[in-house]
Amino acid sequence: MNKITKIDIITRPSKVEELKEAFNEIGITGMTFSHVLGCGQQKGKTKYYRGNKYSIDLLPKSKIEIVVCEVPVEVVVETAQEVLRTGEIGDGKIFIYPVENVIKVRTGEEGVDAL
């Protein structure tokens, strides 16, 4: 059985379309996108409104979830980094998890066949 891996990417919403196109080019067609709120170590950012300072603790982000077995994880990570890296705070994070099993509810198929 091929190794199945889940990759979660949290990044700027403005990069989603470019990332989706890049993933399509390397053979990834199944993805889940979610709009999320969050902040990293910088704890959001400080803004001014009518001269008063206020803090934005939770920033809008996009979460992309992918499960791969045919496309190497390294290729997915390299592609994501090429698209997302600007060198600025907020480029995002990539999380990689092993997947024990996948079961397609409709057919009962398991493992790679369920993908």
PDB file of N, CA and C in Angstrom:
ATOM      1  N   MET A   1       0.844  -1.185   0.000  1.00  0.00           N
ATOM      2  CA  MET A   1       0.000   0.000   0.000  1.00  0.00           C
ATOM      3  C   MET A   1       0.887   1.247   0.000  1.00  0.00           C
ATOM      4  N   ASN A   2       0.559   2.202  -0.864  1.00  0.00           N
ATOM      5  CA  ASN A   2       1.307   3.458  -0.926  1.00  0.00           C
ATOM      6  C   ASN A   2       1.102   4.260   0.355  1.00  0.00           C
ATOM      7  N   LYS A   3       2.105   5.045   0.687  1.00  0.00           N
ATOM      8  CA  LYS A   3       2.027   5.917   1.856  1.00  0.00           C
ATOM      9  C   LYS A   3       1.067   7.069   1.546  1.00  0.00           C
ATOM     10  N   ILE A   4       0.107   7.310   2.431  1.00  0.00           N
ATOM     11  CA  ILE A   4      -0.866   8.394   2.257  1.00  0.00           C
ATOM     12  C   ILE A   4      -0.515   9.493   3.249  1.00  0.00           C
ATOM     13  N   THR A   5      -0.472  10.734   2.752  1.00  0.00           N
ATOM     14  CA  THR A   5      -0.067  11.861   3.576  1.00  0.00           C
ATOM     15  C   THR A   5      -1.043  13.012   3.409  1.00  0.00           C
ATOM     16  N   LYS A   6      -1.363  13.662   4.520  1.00  0.00           N
ATOM     17  CA  LYS A   6      -2.217  14.852   4.491  1.00  0.00           C
ATOM     18  C   LYS A   6      -1.323  16.075   4.655  1.00  0.00           C
ATOM     19  N   ILE A   7      -1.560  17.079   3.825  1.00  0.00           N
ATOM     20  CA  ILE A   7      -0.802  18.322   3.883  1.00  0.00           C
ATOM     21  C   ILE A   7      -1.785  19.461   4.095  1.00  0.00           C
ATOM     22  N   ASP A   8      -1.585  20.224   5.168  1.00  0.00           N
ATOM     23  CA  ASP A   8      -2.391  21.419   5.436  1.00  0.00           C
ATOM     24  C   ASP A   8      -1.511  22.635   5.219  1.00  0.00           C
ATOM     25  N   ILE A   9      -2.039  23.597   4.493  1.00  0.00           N
ATOM     26  CA  ILE A   9      -1.311  24.832   4.229  1.00  0.00           C
ATOM     27  C   ILE A   9      -2.175  25.990   4.694  1.00  0.00           C
ATOM     28  N   ILE A  10      -1.610  26.868   5.497  1.00  0.00           N
ATOM     29  CA  ILE A  10      -2.321  28.069   5.930  1.00  0.00           C
ATOM     30  C   ILE A  10      -1.552  29.255   5.374  1.00  0.00           C
ATOM     31  N   THR A  11      -2.239  30.107   4.608  1.00  0.00           N
ATOM     32  CA  THR A  11      -1.565  31.209   3.941  1.00  0.00           C
ATOM     33  C   THR A  11      -2.513  32.371   3.679  1.00  0.00           C
ATOM     34  N   ARG A  12      -2.008  33.372   2.989  1.00  0.00           N
ATOM     35  CA  ARG A  12      -2.808  34.542   2.630  1.00  0.00           C
ATOM     36  C   ARG A  12      -3.908  34.164   1.626  1.00  0.00           C
ATOM     37  N   PRO A  13      -5.109  34.708   1.788  1.00  0.00           N
ATOM     38  CA  PRO A  13      -6.187  34.432   0.833  1.00  0.00           C
ATOM     39  C   PRO A  13      -5.839  34.863  -0.600  1.00  0.00           C
ATOM     40  N   SER A  14      -5.008  35.875  -0.746  1.00  0.00           N
ATOM     41  CA  SER A  14      -4.658  36.382  -2.076  1.00  0.00           C
ATOM     42  C   SER A  14      -3.831  35.388  -2.894  1.00  0.00           C
ATOM     43  N   LYS A  15      -3.277  34.364  -2.267  1.00  0.00           N
ATOM     44  CA  LYS A  15      -2.421  33.396  -2.954  1.00  0.00           C
ATOM     45  C   LYS A  15      -3.151  32.118  -3.369  1.00  0.00           C
ATOM     46  N   VAL A  16      -4.421  31.972  -3.015  1.00  0.00           N
ATOM     47  CA  VAL A  16      -5.139  30.713  -3.229  1.00  0.00           C
ATOM     48  C   VAL A  16      -5.239  30.338  -4.704  1.00  0.00           C
ATOM     49  N   GLU A  17      -5.632  31.258  -5.559  1.00  0.00           N
ATOM     50  CA  GLU A  17      -5.798  30.937  -6.984  1.00  0.00           C
ATOM     51  C   GLU A  17      -4.474  30.521  -7.616  1.00  0.00           C
ATOM     52  N   GLU A  18      -3.420  31.255  -7.313  1.00  0.00           N
ATOM     53  CA  GLU A  18      -2.097  30.930  -7.860  1.00  0.00           C
ATOM     54  C   GLU A  18      -1.631  29.556  -7.376  1.00  0.00           C
ATOM     55  N   LEU A  19      -1.898  29.253  -6.117  1.00  0.00           N
ATOM     56  CA  LEU A  19      -1.532  27.957  -5.553  1.00  0.00           C
ATOM     57  C   LEU A  19      -2.344  26.836  -6.201  1.00  0.00           C
ATOM     58  N   LYS A  20      -3.618  27.076  -6.393  1.00  0.00           N
ATOM     59  CA  LYS A  20      -4.490  26.082  -7.028  1.00  0.00           C
ATOM     60  C   LYS A  20      -3.994  25.747  -8.442  1.00  0.00           C
ATOM     61  N   GLU A  21      -3.617  26.758  -9.213  1.00  0.00           N
ATOM     62  CA  GLU A  21      -3.097  26.542 -10.567  1.00  0.00           C
ATOM     63  C   GLU A  21      -1.785  25.764 -10.539  1.00  0.00           C
ATOM     64  N   ALA A  22      -0.902  26.103  -9.609  1.00  0.00           N
ATOM     65  CA  ALA A  22       0.379  25.403  -9.498  1.00  0.00           C
ATOM     66  C   ALA A  22       0.174  23.937  -9.122  1.00  0.00           C
ATOM     67  N   PHE A  23      -0.763  23.672  -8.210  1.00  0.00           N
ATOM     68  CA  PHE A  23      -1.050  22.289  -7.812  1.00  0.00           C
ATOM     69  C   PHE A  23      -1.656  21.506  -8.976  1.00  0.00           C
ATOM     70  N   ASN A  24      -2.484  22.142  -9.752  1.00  0.00           N
ATOM     71  CA  ASN A  24      -3.074  21.501 -10.929  1.00  0.00           C
ATOM     72  C   ASN A  24      -1.977  21.040 -11.885  1.00  0.00           C
ATOM     73  N   GLU A  25      -0.938  21.854 -12.048  1.00  0.00           N
ATOM     74  CA  GLU A  25       0.161  21.534 -12.957  1.00  0.00           C
ATOM     75  C   GLU A  25       0.970  20.324 -12.502  1.00  0.00           C
ATOM     76  N   ILE A  26       1.037  20.067 -11.194  1.00  0.00           N
ATOM     77  CA  ILE A  26       1.801  18.907 -10.708  1.00  0.00           C
ATOM     78  C   ILE A  26       0.913  17.684 -10.487  1.00  0.00           C
ATOM     79  N   GLY A  27      -0.364  17.787 -10.858  1.00  0.00           N
ATOM     80  CA  GLY A  27      -1.239  16.622 -10.813  1.00  0.00           C
ATOM     81  C   GLY A  27      -2.138  16.508  -9.601  1.00  0.00           C
ATOM     82  N   ILE A  28      -2.234  17.555  -8.813  1.00  0.00           N
ATOM     83  CA  ILE A  28      -3.139  17.528  -7.660  1.00  0.00           C
ATOM     84  C   ILE A  28      -4.445  18.191  -8.079  1.00  0.00           C
ATOM     85  N   THR A  29      -5.524  17.433  -8.021  1.00  0.00           N
ATOM     86  CA  THR A  29      -6.821  17.975  -8.422  1.00  0.00           C
ATOM     87  C   THR A  29      -7.806  18.039  -7.269  1.00  0.00           C
ATOM     88  N   GLY A  30      -7.598  17.252  -6.235  1.00  0.00           N
ATOM     89  CA  GLY A  30      -8.505  17.247  -5.094  1.00  0.00           C
ATOM     90  C   GLY A  30      -7.958  18.075  -3.952  1.00  0.00           C
ATOM     91  N   MET A  31      -8.671  19.129  -3.591  1.00  0.00           N
ATOM     92  CA  MET A  31      -8.243  20.016  -2.513  1.00  0.00           C
ATOM     93  C   MET A  31      -9.473  20.501  -1.769  1.00  0.00           C
ATOM     94  N   THR A  32      -9.291  20.873  -0.518  1.00  0.00           N
ATOM     95  CA  THR A  32     -10.346  21.501   0.262  1.00  0.00           C
ATOM     96  C   THR A  32      -9.831  22.853   0.729  1.00  0.00           C
ATOM     97  N   PHE A  33     -10.617  23.903   0.483  1.00  0.00           N
ATOM     98  CA  PHE A  33     -10.249  25.260   0.891  1.00  0.00           C
ATOM     99  C   PHE A  33     -11.213  25.733   1.961  1.00  0.00           C
ATOM    100  N   SER A  34     -10.672  26.393   2.982  1.00  0.00           N
ATOM    101  CA  SER A  34     -11.498  26.978   4.032  1.00  0.00           C
ATOM    102  C   SER A  34     -10.978  28.378   4.340  1.00  0.00           C
ATOM    103  N   HIS A  35     -11.903  29.278   4.666  1.00  0.00           N
ATOM    104  CA  HIS A  35     -11.520  30.592   5.148  1.00  0.00           C
ATOM    105  C   HIS A  35     -11.410  30.487   6.664  1.00  0.00           C
ATOM    106  N   VAL A  36     -10.256  30.862   7.205  1.00  0.00           N
ATOM    107  CA  VAL A  36     -10.025  30.760   8.643  1.00  0.00           C
ATOM    108  C   VAL A  36      -9.479  32.088   9.166  1.00  0.00           C
ATOM    109  N   LEU A  37      -9.476  32.244  10.468  1.00  0.00           N
ATOM    110  CA  LEU A  37      -8.888  33.408  11.123  1.00  0.00           C
ATOM    111  C   LEU A  37      -7.786  32.918  12.043  1.00  0.00           C
ATOM    112  N   GLY A  38      -6.681  33.659  12.102  1.00  0.00           N
ATOM    113  CA  GLY A  38      -5.610  33.238  12.982  1.00  0.00           C
ATOM    114  C   GLY A  38      -4.486  34.245  13.018  1.00  0.00           C
ATOM    115  N   CYS A  39      -3.510  33.961  13.858  1.00  0.00           N
ATOM    116  CA  CYS A  39      -2.314  34.792  13.920  1.00  0.00           C
ATOM    117  C   CYS A  39      -1.149  33.926  14.364  1.00  0.00           C
ATOM    118  N   GLY A  40       0.039  34.371  14.015  1.00  0.00           N
ATOM    119  CA  GLY A  40       1.253  33.662  14.400  1.00  0.00           C
ATOM    120  C   GLY A  40       1.893  34.332  15.592  1.00  0.00           C
ATOM    121  N   GLN A  41       3.198  34.220  15.690  1.00  0.00           N
ATOM    122  CA  GLN A  41       3.918  34.791  16.821  1.00  0.00           C
ATOM    123  C   GLN A  41       3.838  36.307  16.868  1.00  0.00           C
ATOM    124  N   GLN A  42       3.579  36.931  15.715  1.00  0.00           N
ATOM    125  CA  GLN A  42       3.494  38.391  15.704  1.00  0.00           C
ATOM    126  C   GLN A  42       2.188  38.888  16.315  1.00  0.00           C
ATOM    127  N   LYS A  43       1.255  37.991  16.623  1.00  0.00           N
ATOM    128  CA  LYS A  43      -0.012  38.310  17.293  1.00  0.00           C
ATOM    129  C   LYS A  43      -0.847  39.338  16.530  1.00  0.00           C
ATOM    130  N   GLY A  44      -0.945  39.170  15.224  1.00  0.00           N
ATOM    131  CA  GLY A  44      -1.744  40.100  14.428  1.00  0.00           C
ATOM    132  C   GLY A  44      -0.966  41.370  14.160  1.00  0.00           C
ATOM    133  N   LYS A  45      -1.668  42.471  13.990  1.00  0.00           N
ATOM    134  CA  LYS A  45      -0.970  43.731  13.744  1.00  0.00           C
ATOM    135  C   LYS A  45      -1.740  44.884  14.361  1.00  0.00           C
ATOM    136  N   THR A  46      -1.049  45.976  14.580  1.00  0.00           N
ATOM    137  CA  THR A  46      -1.657  47.156  15.191  1.00  0.00           C
ATOM    138  C   THR A  46      -2.039  48.145  14.096  1.00  0.00           C
ATOM    139  N   LYS A  47      -3.250  48.696  14.174  1.00  0.00           N
ATOM    140  CA  LYS A  47      -3.740  49.683  13.217  1.00  0.00           C
ATOM    141  C   LYS A  47      -4.196  50.915  13.981  1.00  0.00           C
ATOM    142  N   TYR A  48      -4.425  51.974  13.233  1.00  0.00           N
ATOM    143  CA  TYR A  48      -4.950  53.211  13.816  1.00  0.00           C
ATOM    144  C   TYR A  48      -6.273  53.547  13.143  1.00  0.00           C
ATOM    145  N   TYR A  49      -7.272  53.918  13.938  1.00  0.00           N
ATOM    146  CA  TYR A  49      -8.570  54.350  13.443  1.00  0.00           C
ATOM    147  C   TYR A  49      -8.928  55.638  14.154  1.00  0.00           C
ATOM    148  N   ARG A  50      -9.037  56.707  13.385  1.00  0.00           N
ATOM    149  CA  ARG A  50      -9.334  58.035  13.939  1.00  0.00           C
ATOM    150  C   ARG A  50      -8.383  58.405  15.074  1.00  0.00           C
ATOM    151  N   GLY A  51      -7.106  58.085  14.843  1.00  0.00           N
ATOM    152  CA  GLY A  51      -6.080  58.452  15.809  1.00  0.00           C
ATOM    153  C   GLY A  51      -5.929  57.511  16.985  1.00  0.00           C
ATOM    154  N   ASN A  52      -6.826  56.548  17.103  1.00  0.00           N
ATOM    155  CA  ASN A  52      -6.746  55.596  18.218  1.00  0.00           C
ATOM    156  C   ASN A  52      -6.099  54.297  17.754  1.00  0.00           C
ATOM    157  N   LYS A  53      -5.222  53.792  18.558  1.00  0.00           N
ATOM    158  CA  LYS A  53      -4.521  52.554  18.261  1.00  0.00           C
ATOM    159  C   LYS A  53      -5.408  51.367  18.653  1.00  0.00           C
ATOM    160  N   TYR A  54      -5.515  50.388  17.756  1.00  0.00           N
ATOM    161  CA  TYR A  54      -6.213  49.162  18.114  1.00  0.00           C
ATOM    162  C   TYR A  54      -5.501  47.979  17.467  1.00  0.00           C
ATOM    163  N   SER A  55      -5.720  46.821  18.021  1.00  0.00           N
ATOM    164  CA  SER A  55      -5.010  45.627  17.583  1.00  0.00           C
ATOM    165  C   SER A  55      -5.953  44.675  16.858  1.00  0.00           C
ATOM    166  N   ILE A  56      -5.461  44.113  15.763  1.00  0.00           N
ATOM    167  CA  ILE A  56      -6.197  43.071  15.052  1.00  0.00           C
ATOM    168  C   ILE A  56      -5.527  41.758  15.441  1.00  0.00           C
ATOM    169  N   ASP A  57      -6.187  40.991  16.274  1.00  0.00           N
ATOM    170  CA  ASP A  57      -5.580  39.757  16.760  1.00  0.00           C
ATOM    171  C   ASP A  57      -5.715  38.600  15.778  1.00  0.00           C
ATOM    172  N   LEU A  58      -6.830  38.520  15.108  1.00  0.00           N
ATOM    173  CA  LEU A  58      -7.060  37.410  14.187  1.00  0.00           C
ATOM    174  C   LEU A  58      -7.117  37.948  12.757  1.00  0.00           C
ATOM    175  N   LEU A  59      -6.222  37.436  11.923  1.00  0.00           N
ATOM    176  CA  LEU A  59      -6.138  37.878  10.544  1.00  0.00           C
ATOM    177  C   LEU A  59      -6.792  36.850   9.625  1.00  0.00           C
ATOM    178  N   PRO A  60      -7.410  37.295   8.529  1.00  0.00           N
ATOM    179  CA  PRO A  60      -8.003  36.342   7.585  1.00  0.00           C
ATOM    180  C   PRO A  60      -6.914  35.530   6.887  1.00  0.00           C
ATOM    181  N   LYS A  61      -7.095  34.231   6.854  1.00  0.00           N
ATOM    182  CA  LYS A  61      -6.173  33.309   6.191  1.00  0.00           C
ATOM    183  C   LYS A  61      -6.982  32.292   5.405  1.00  0.00           C
ATOM    184  N   SER A  62      -6.315  31.561   4.534  1.00  0.00           N
ATOM    185  CA  SER A  62      -6.932  30.449   3.822  1.00  0.00           C
ATOM    186  C   SER A  62      -6.227  29.169   4.225  1.00  0.00           C
ATOM    187  N   LYS A  63      -7.012  28.121   4.429  1.00  0.00           N
ATOM    188  CA  LYS A  63      -6.463  26.815   4.765  1.00  0.00           C
ATOM    189  C   LYS A  63      -6.740  25.877   3.599  1.00  0.00           C
ATOM    190  N   ILE A  64      -5.692  25.275   3.078  1.00  0.00           N
ATOM    191  CA  ILE A  64      -5.802  24.334   1.967  1.00  0.00           C
ATOM    192  C   ILE A  64      -5.426  22.964   2.504  1.00  0.00           C
ATOM    193  N   GLU A  65      -6.308  21.989   2.321  1.00  0.00           N
ATOM    194  CA  GLU A  65      -6.055  20.629   2.780  1.00  0.00           C
ATOM    195  C   GLU A  65      -5.946  19.708   1.570  1.00  0.00           C
ATOM    196  N   ILE A  66      -4.872  18.903   1.542  1.00  0.00           N
ATOM    197  CA  ILE A  66      -4.615  18.002   0.424  1.00  0.00           C
ATOM    198  C   ILE A  66      -4.224  16.649   0.998  1.00  0.00           C
ATOM    199  N   VAL A  67      -4.685  15.580   0.363  1.00  0.00           N
ATOM    200  CA  VAL A  67      -4.240  14.232   0.720  1.00  0.00           C
ATOM    201  C   VAL A  67      -3.578  13.653  -0.527  1.00  0.00           C
ATOM    202  N   VAL A  68      -2.319  13.234  -0.386  1.00  0.00           N
ATOM    203  CA  VAL A  68      -1.563  12.727  -1.535  1.00  0.00           C
ATOM    204  C   VAL A  68      -1.018  11.335  -1.274  1.00  0.00           C
ATOM    205  N   CYS A  69      -0.838  10.588  -2.367  1.00  0.00           N
ATOM    206  CA  CYS A  69      -0.121   9.317  -2.293  1.00  0.00           C
ATOM    207  C   CYS A  69       0.696   9.120  -3.564  1.00  0.00           C
ATOM    208  N   GLU A  70       0.192   9.588  -4.706  1.00  0.00           N
ATOM    209  CA  GLU A  70       0.894   9.450  -5.978  1.00  0.00           C
ATOM    210  C   GLU A  70       1.928  10.554  -6.163  1.00  0.00           C
ATOM    211  N   VAL A  71       1.561  11.794  -5.857  1.00  0.00           N
ATOM    212  CA  VAL A  71       2.467  12.935  -5.992  1.00  0.00           C
ATOM    213  C   VAL A  71       3.341  12.991  -4.744  1.00  0.00           C
ATOM    214  N   PRO A  72       4.667  13.024  -4.909  1.00  0.00           N
ATOM    215  CA  PRO A  72       5.557  13.067  -3.736  1.00  0.00           C
ATOM    216  C   PRO A  72       5.314  14.310  -2.874  1.00  0.00           C
ATOM    217  N   VAL A  73       5.359  14.125  -1.563  1.00  0.00           N
ATOM    218  CA  VAL A  73       5.143  15.218  -0.614  1.00  0.00           C
ATOM    219  C   VAL A  73       6.147  16.340  -0.859  1.00  0.00           C
ATOM    220  N   GLU A  74       7.390  15.977  -1.164  1.00  0.00           N
ATOM    221  CA  GLU A  74       8.430  16.975  -1.387  1.00  0.00           C
ATOM    222  C   GLU A  74       8.066  17.905  -2.549  1.00  0.00           C
ATOM    223  N   VAL A  75       7.471  17.353  -3.600  1.00  0.00           N
ATOM    224  CA  VAL A  75       7.072  18.152  -4.761  1.00  0.00           C
ATOM    225  C   VAL A  75       5.973  19.132  -4.375  1.00  0.00           C
ATOM    226  N   VAL A  76       5.014  18.669  -3.580  1.00  0.00           N
ATOM    227  CA  VAL A  76       3.927  19.529  -3.119  1.00  0.00           C
ATOM    228  C   VAL A  76       4.480  20.680  -2.271  1.00  0.00           C
ATOM    229  N   VAL A  77       5.375  20.353  -1.342  1.00  0.00           N
ATOM    230  CA  VAL A  77       5.950  21.360  -0.449  1.00  0.00           C
ATOM    231  C   VAL A  77       6.781  22.371  -1.243  1.00  0.00           C
ATOM    232  N   GLU A  78       7.623  21.897  -2.156  1.00  0.00           N
ATOM    233  CA  GLU A  78       8.437  22.804  -2.976  1.00  0.00           C
ATOM    234  C   GLU A  78       7.562  23.735  -3.811  1.00  0.00           C
ATOM    235  N   THR A  79       6.514  23.184  -4.409  1.00  0.00           N
ATOM    236  CA  THR A  79       5.600  23.989  -5.220  1.00  0.00           C
ATOM    237  C   THR A  79       4.922  25.054  -4.375  1.00  0.00           C
ATOM    238  N   ALA A  80       4.435  24.651  -3.201  1.00  0.00           N
ATOM    239  CA  ALA A  80       3.766  25.604  -2.304  1.00  0.00           C
ATOM    240  C   ALA A  80       4.731  26.706  -1.875  1.00  0.00           C
ATOM    241  N   GLN A  81       5.950  26.347  -1.534  1.00  0.00           N
ATOM    242  CA  GLN A  81       6.922  27.344  -1.110  1.00  0.00           C
ATOM    243  C   GLN A  81       7.254  28.325  -2.229  1.00  0.00           C
ATOM    244  N   GLU A  82       7.400  27.819  -3.451  1.00  0.00           N
ATOM    245  CA  GLU A  82       7.682  28.703  -4.586  1.00  0.00           C
ATOM    246  C   GLU A  82       6.575  29.724  -4.793  1.00  0.00           C
ATOM    247  N   VAL A  83       5.339  29.284  -4.658  1.00  0.00           N
ATOM    248  CA  VAL A  83       4.192  30.171  -4.880  1.00  0.00           C
ATOM    249  C   VAL A  83       3.992  31.132  -3.714  1.00  0.00           C
ATOM    250  N   LEU A  84       4.147  30.657  -2.493  1.00  0.00           N
ATOM    251  CA  LEU A  84       3.764  31.437  -1.316  1.00  0.00           C
ATOM    252  C   LEU A  84       4.855  32.336  -0.757  1.00  0.00           C
ATOM    253  N   ARG A  85       6.113  32.007  -0.983  1.00  0.00           N
ATOM    254  CA  ARG A  85       7.197  32.737  -0.319  1.00  0.00           C
ATOM    255  C   ARG A  85       7.361  34.150  -0.868  1.00  0.00           C
ATOM    256  N   THR A  86       7.196  35.132   0.010  1.00  0.00           N
ATOM    257  CA  THR A  86       7.458  36.535  -0.332  1.00  0.00           C
ATOM    258  C   THR A  86       8.593  37.078   0.528  1.00  0.00           C
ATOM    259  N   GLY A  87       8.933  36.344   1.597  1.00  0.00           N
ATOM    260  CA  GLY A  87       9.962  36.801   2.521  1.00  0.00           C
ATOM    261  C   GLY A  87       9.405  37.698   3.612  1.00  0.00           C
ATOM    262  N   GLU A  88       8.104  37.883   3.639  1.00  0.00           N
ATOM    263  CA  GLU A  88       7.457  38.752   4.620  1.00  0.00           C
ATOM    264  C   GLU A  88       6.745  37.900   5.674  1.00  0.00           C
ATOM    265  N   ILE A  89       6.478  38.507   6.812  1.00  0.00           N
ATOM    266  CA  ILE A  89       5.690  37.834   7.846  1.00  0.00           C
ATOM    267  C   ILE A  89       4.308  37.545   7.275  1.00  0.00           C
ATOM    268  N   GLY A  90       3.800  36.350   7.523  1.00  0.00           N
ATOM    269  CA  GLY A  90       2.464  36.002   7.061  1.00  0.00           C
ATOM    270  C   GLY A  90       2.436  35.150   5.808  1.00  0.00           C
ATOM    271  N   ASP A  91       3.616  34.697   5.333  1.00  0.00           N
ATOM    272  CA  ASP A  91       3.649  33.822   4.151  1.00  0.00           C
ATOM    273  C   ASP A  91       2.895  32.522   4.405  1.00  0.00           C
ATOM    274  N   GLY A  92       2.879  32.061   5.651  1.00  0.00           N
ATOM    275  CA  GLY A  92       2.097  30.877   5.986  1.00  0.00           C
ATOM    276  C   GLY A  92       2.910  29.757   6.592  1.00  0.00           C
ATOM    277  N   LYS A  93       2.221  28.647   6.781  1.00  0.00           N
ATOM    278  CA  LYS A  93       2.824  27.447   7.357  1.00  0.00           C
ATOM    279  C   LYS A  93       2.337  26.234   6.572  1.00  0.00           C
ATOM    280  N   ILE A  94       3.156  25.187   6.557  1.00  0.00           N
ATOM    281  CA  ILE A  94       2.793  23.915   5.923  1.00  0.00           C
ATOM    282  C   ILE A  94       2.923  22.839   6.996  1.00  0.00           C
ATOM    283  N   PHE A  95       1.858  22.062   7.179  1.00  0.00           N
ATOM    284  CA  PHE A  95       1.839  20.976   8.160  1.00  0.00           C
ATOM    285  C   PHE A  95       1.688  19.658   7.408  1.00  0.00           C
ATOM    286  N   ILE A  96       2.460  18.648   7.793  1.00  0.00           N
ATOM    287  CA  ILE A  96       2.439  17.353   7.113  1.00  0.00           C
ATOM    288  C   ILE A  96       2.109  16.266   8.133  1.00  0.00           C
ATOM    289  N   TYR A  97       1.096  15.449   7.798  1.00  0.00           N
ATOM    290  CA  TYR A  97       0.618  14.406   8.714  1.00  0.00           C
ATOM    291  C   TYR A  97       0.560  13.061   7.993  1.00  0.00           C
ATOM    292  N   PRO A  98       0.928  11.977   8.664  1.00  0.00           N
ATOM    293  CA  PRO A  98       0.697  10.652   8.078  1.00  0.00           C
ATOM    294  C   PRO A  98      -0.795  10.302   8.192  1.00  0.00           C
ATOM    295  N   VAL A  99      -1.318   9.621   7.194  1.00  0.00           N
ATOM    296  CA  VAL A  99      -2.725   9.186   7.216  1.00  0.00           C
ATOM    297  C   VAL A  99      -2.741   7.671   7.325  1.00  0.00           C
ATOM    298  N   GLU A 100      -3.450   7.185   8.322  1.00  0.00           N
ATOM    299  CA  GLU A 100      -3.508   5.745   8.561  1.00  0.00           C
ATOM    300  C   GLU A 100      -4.364   5.032   7.514  1.00  0.00           C
ATOM    301  N   ASN A 101      -5.513   5.611   7.191  1.00  0.00           N
ATOM    302  CA  ASN A 101      -6.402   4.985   6.207  1.00  0.00           C
ATOM    303  C   ASN A 101      -7.389   6.021   5.694  1.00  0.00           C
ATOM    304  N   VAL A 102      -7.926   5.770   4.507  1.00  0.00           N
ATOM    305  CA  VAL A 102      -8.971   6.601   3.909  1.00  0.00           C
ATOM    306  C   VAL A 102     -10.099   5.660   3.511  1.00  0.00           C
ATOM    307  N   ILE A 103     -11.324   6.032   3.822  1.00  0.00           N
ATOM    308  CA  ILE A 103     -12.480   5.209   3.456  1.00  0.00           C
ATOM    309  C   ILE A 103     -13.475   6.078   2.715  1.00  0.00           C
ATOM    310  N   LYS A 104     -13.813   5.668   1.491  1.00  0.00           N
ATOM    311  CA  LYS A 104     -14.823   6.386   0.720  1.00  0.00           C
ATOM    312  C   LYS A 104     -16.193   5.898   1.192  1.00  0.00           C
ATOM    313  N   VAL A 105     -16.993   6.787   1.730  1.00  0.00           N
ATOM    314  CA  VAL A 105     -18.266   6.426   2.348  1.00  0.00           C
ATOM    315  C   VAL A 105     -19.216   5.775   1.346  1.00  0.00           C
ATOM    316  N   ARG A 106     -19.317   6.350   0.152  1.00  0.00           N
ATOM    317  CA  ARG A 106     -20.284   5.865  -0.835  1.00  0.00           C
ATOM    318  C   ARG A 106     -20.038   4.418  -1.246  1.00  0.00           C
ATOM    319  N   THR A 107     -18.756   4.052  -1.452  1.00  0.00           N
ATOM    320  CA  THR A 107     -18.452   2.710  -1.991  1.00  0.00           C
ATOM    321  C   THR A 107     -17.815   1.768  -0.980  1.00  0.00           C
ATOM    322  N   GLY A 108     -17.285   2.313   0.099  1.00  0.00           N
ATOM    323  CA  GLY A 108     -16.584   1.489   1.070  1.00  0.00           C
ATOM    324  C   GLY A 108     -15.132   1.200   0.693  1.00  0.00           C
ATOM    325  N   GLU A 109     -14.662   1.757  -0.426  1.00  0.00           N
ATOM    326  CA  GLU A 109     -13.271   1.560  -0.832  1.00  0.00           C
ATOM    327  C   GLU A 109     -12.347   2.133   0.234  1.00  0.00           C
ATOM    328  N   GLU A 110     -11.173   1.514   0.350  1.00  0.00           N
ATOM    329  CA  GLU A 110     -10.212   1.956   1.362  1.00  0.00           C
ATOM    330  C   GLU A 110      -8.852   2.224   0.741  1.00  0.00           C
ATOM    331  N   GLY A 111      -8.040   2.987   1.472  1.00  0.00           N
ATOM    332  CA  GLY A 111      -6.670   3.260   1.053  1.00  0.00           C
ATOM    333  C   GLY A 111      -6.621   4.130  -0.197  1.00  0.00           C
ATOM    334  N   VAL A 112      -5.643   3.838  -1.046  1.00  0.00           N
ATOM    335  CA  VAL A 112      -5.404   4.614  -2.270  1.00  0.00           C
ATOM    336  C   VAL A 112      -6.636   4.589  -3.171  1.00  0.00           C
ATOM    337  N   ASP A 113      -7.360   3.475  -3.219  1.00  0.00           N
ATOM    338  CA  ASP A 113      -8.557   3.376  -4.066  1.00  0.00           C
ATOM    339  C   ASP A 113      -9.637   4.371  -3.655  1.00  0.00           C
ATOM    340  N   ALA A 114      -9.651   4.755  -2.402  1.00  0.00           N
ATOM    341  CA  ALA A 114     -10.656   5.709  -1.918  1.00  0.00           C
ATOM    342  C   ALA A 114     -10.346   7.138  -2.363  1.00  0.00           C
ATOM    343  N   LEU A 115      -9.096   7.382  -2.741  1.00  0.00           N
ATOM    344  CA  LEU A 115      -8.725   8.736  -3.178  1.00  0.00           C
ATOM    345  C   LEU A 115      -9.118   8.930  -4.619  1.00  0.00           C
TER     346      LEU A 115
END
